[in-house]
Protein backbone atom coordinates (compact mmCIF):
# COMPACT_ATOMS: atom_id res chain seq x y z
CA MET A 1 0.27 0.27 -0.32
CA GLY A 2 2.73 2.75 1.48
CA ASP A 3 5.49 0.86 -0.83
CA GLY A 4 3.69 1.65 -4.41
CA THR A 5 2.62 -1.76 -4.91
CA GLU A 6 -1.08 -2.35 -5.29
CA ARG A 7 -2.86 -4.83 -3.42
CA VAL A 8 -5.37 -7.17 -6.10
CA GLU A 9 -8.43 -8.75 -4.03
CA SER A 10 -10.02 -11.79 -4.87
CA PRO A 11 -14.59 -12.00 -4.90
CA GLU A 12 -13.63 -14.04 -2.18
CA THR A 13 -11.24 -11.88 -0.08
CA SER A 14 -13.33 -8.77 -0.84
CA ARG A 15 -16.49 -10.89 0.37
CA ARG A 16 -14.93 -12.25 3.51
CA LEU A 17 -13.57 -8.31 3.84
CA LYS A 18 -17.28 -6.48 3.85
CA ARG A 19 -19.14 -9.64 6.18
CA PHE A 20 -16.03 -8.64 8.73
CA THR A 21 -16.34 -5.10 8.60
CA LEU A 22 -20.34 -5.31 8.73
CA ILE A 23 -19.65 -7.98 11.90
CA VAL A 24 -17.44 -5.37 13.74
CA THR A 25 -19.52 -2.29 12.58
CA VAL A 26 -22.60 -3.46 14.35
CA ALA A 27 -20.82 -5.28 17.08
CA LEU A 28 -19.39 -1.97 18.21
CA ILE A 29 -22.75 0.36 17.56
CA ILE A 30 -24.33 -2.19 20.16
CA GLY A 31 -21.05 -2.09 22.90
CA CYS A 32 -20.48 1.58 22.92
CA ASN A 33 -24.35 2.54 23.04
CA ALA A 34 -24.13 -0.37 25.66
CA LEU A 35 -21.27 1.64 27.25
CA LEU A 36 -22.75 5.03 26.83
CA LEU A 37 -26.20 3.71 28.43
CA ALA A 38 -23.73 2.50 31.46
CA GLY A 39 -22.44 5.83 31.74
CA LEU A 40 -25.42 7.77 31.36
CA TRP A 41 -26.96 5.19 34.40
CA VAL A 42 -23.71 5.53 36.44
CA SER A 43 -23.52 9.74 36.41
CA GLY A 44 -27.21 9.62 37.88
CA ILE A 45 -28.35 12.55 35.68
CA ASP A 46 -32.00 12.54 34.33
CA LEU A 47 -31.31 14.31 31.32
CA GLU A 48 -35.65 14.80 31.17
CA THR A 49 -35.15 17.52 33.92
CA THR A 50 -31.78 18.53 32.81
CA LEU A 51 -32.77 19.57 29.68
CA SER A 52 -35.85 21.15 29.91
CA ASN A 53 -36.83 24.41 30.90
CA PRO A 54 -38.81 24.19 34.34
CA GLU A 55 -41.46 25.90 34.11
CA LEU A 56 -42.32 28.92 36.34
CA TYR A 57 -46.06 31.29 36.37
CA ASP A 58 -46.64 33.21 32.93
CA PRO A 59 -49.57 35.44 33.87
CA ALA A 60 -49.85 36.26 30.74
CA ASN A 61 -50.74 32.60 30.12
CA GLY A 62 -52.05 31.27 33.26
CA HIS A 63 -54.16 31.95 35.80
CA CYS A 64 -52.62 31.60 39.83
CA VAL A 65 -53.80 29.99 42.30
CA GLN A 66 -51.71 29.96 45.81
CA VAL A 67 -49.29 32.12 46.44
CA THR A 68 -46.25 32.10 49.00
CA TRP A 69 -43.42 33.46 49.93
CA VAL A 70 -39.88 32.36 49.24
CA LYS A 71 -36.35 33.23 49.84
CA VAL A 72 -35.12 34.39 46.27
CA VAL A 73 -31.25 34.51 45.40
CA GLY A 74 -30.75 38.57 44.10
CA ALA A 75 -33.91 40.02 46.41
CA ASP A 76 -33.53 41.13 49.85
CA GLY A 77 -35.96 39.23 52.35
CA LEU A 78 -38.59 37.11 50.94
CA VAL A 79 -40.88 37.78 47.57
CA LYS A 80 -44.38 36.94 46.97
CA VAL A 81 -44.31 34.51 44.48
CA CYS A 82 -47.31 32.46 42.66
CA SER A 83 -46.32 28.66 43.37
CA GLU A 84 -49.13 27.13 41.62
CA TRP A 85 -51.34 28.03 38.51
CA LEU A 86 -53.14 26.84 35.91
CA ASP A 87 -51.60 27.40 32.14
CA PHE A 88 -54.32 28.24 29.96
CA SER A 89 -51.87 26.44 26.96
CA ASP A 90 -51.74 23.18 28.67
CA ILE A 91 -55.46 21.42 27.58
CA SER A 92 -55.49 18.82 30.73
CA GLY A 93 -56.23 21.60 32.93
CA GLU A 94 -54.22 20.22 35.38
CA THR A 95 -52.20 22.73 38.18
CA HIS A 96 -48.53 23.55 37.55
CA VAL A 97 -46.15 23.74 40.82
CA LEU A 98 -43.22 25.48 41.12
CA PRO A 99 -40.22 22.69 41.00
CA GLU A 100 -39.06 21.33 44.75
CA GLY A 101 -35.82 21.83 45.92
CA LYS A 102 -34.56 24.30 43.11
CA THR A 103 -33.41 27.82 43.81
CA LEU A 104 -35.38 30.70 42.60
CA ALA A 105 -32.90 34.02 41.47
CA MET A 106 -34.27 37.16 40.28
CA GLY A 107 -32.44 38.37 36.91
CA PRO A 108 -31.12 41.54 36.20
CA ASP A 109 -34.59 42.06 34.42
CA GLY A 110 -36.34 41.28 37.99
CA ASN A 111 -38.09 38.43 36.62
CA LEU A 112 -37.42 34.93 38.50
CA TYR A 113 -35.45 32.27 36.53
CA VAL A 114 -35.01 28.83 38.57
CA ALA A 115 -31.51 28.89 39.22
CA GLY A 116 -29.25 25.57 38.05
CA ASN A 117 -27.03 23.17 39.86
CA PRO A 118 -23.60 23.84 39.14
CA ALA A 119 -22.30 20.26 40.30
CA GLU A 120 -25.03 19.01 37.93
CA ASN A 121 -23.25 20.78 34.92
CA PHE A 122 -20.10 19.35 35.56
CA ARG A 123 -22.00 15.96 35.24
CA LEU A 124 -23.24 16.98 31.95
CA ILE A 125 -20.13 17.92 30.84
CA ALA A 126 -18.19 14.67 31.94
CA LEU A 127 -20.73 12.60 30.52
CA MET A 128 -20.66 14.70 27.11
CA ILE A 129 -16.75 14.08 26.83
CA PHE A 130 -17.31 10.59 28.02
CA ALA A 131 -19.88 10.22 24.85
CA ILE A 132 -17.11 12.06 23.06
CA VAL A 133 -14.43 9.79 24.29
CA VAL A 134 -16.71 6.60 23.23
CA ILE A 135 -17.42 7.25 20.17
CA VAL A 136 -13.80 8.13 18.57
CA SER A 137 -12.64 5.37 20.66
CA GLY A 138 -15.32 2.94 18.88
CA MET A 139 -14.48 4.55 15.30
CA TRP A 140 -10.69 4.20 15.89
CA THR A 141 -10.92 0.62 16.90
CA LYS A 142 -13.12 -0.64 13.67
CA GLN A 143 -10.15 1.18 11.98
CA VAL A 144 -7.78 -0.76 12.80
CA LEU A 145 -9.26 -3.65 12.79
CA ILE A 146 -10.72 -3.94 9.81
CA ALA A 147 -6.81 -3.05 8.52
CA LYS A 148 -5.37 -5.67 10.67
CA TYR A 149 -8.03 -8.15 9.24
CA GLN A 150 -7.00 -6.79 5.40
CA ASP A 151 -3.53 -7.62 6.38
CA HIS A 152 -4.26 -11.07 7.66
CA LEU A 153 -6.31 -11.76 5.06
CA HIS A 154 -3.34 -10.32 2.35
CA SER A 155 -1.26 -12.74 4.43
CA ILE A 156 -3.12 -15.76 3.65
CA ASN A 157 -3.94 -15.24 0.20
CA HIS A 158 -0.14 -14.45 -0.35
CA HIS A 159 1.26 -17.13 1.48
CA SER A 160 -1.18 -19.04 -0.76
CA VAL A 161 -0.15 -18.25 -3.78
């Protein structure tokens, strides 16, 4: 290959190489996905809550049912906050509540926001880095295995001639 000689593949060698490539590809897809799911499970991240925007009461699109006084980061003292409301865009008619265990913060614009958890952000970043490493490693492993098998097939064909 790199020495200027061309390898002529027989139809049998080409068929074996294609079959091996398919087997390695399917095995790595299954193996890498299992590894990614195991990493997600070990991280303990709930992607549904992490990637969704926590909802807060929107006076233009709902009706407040219950109000409570809550400590808000960025505001002095307690702040009167709607803790339970009906959302007019939700056809189920169920009441919506403030997310439990989440800290509210006052933004520079005076609106309330749910403050993020920095530890959860670091776990999400670590999970993303782990996913990239698994994908790149899988692609590299596939290339190495196929190249070694191709060399093996050519060495067998060369010895049999």
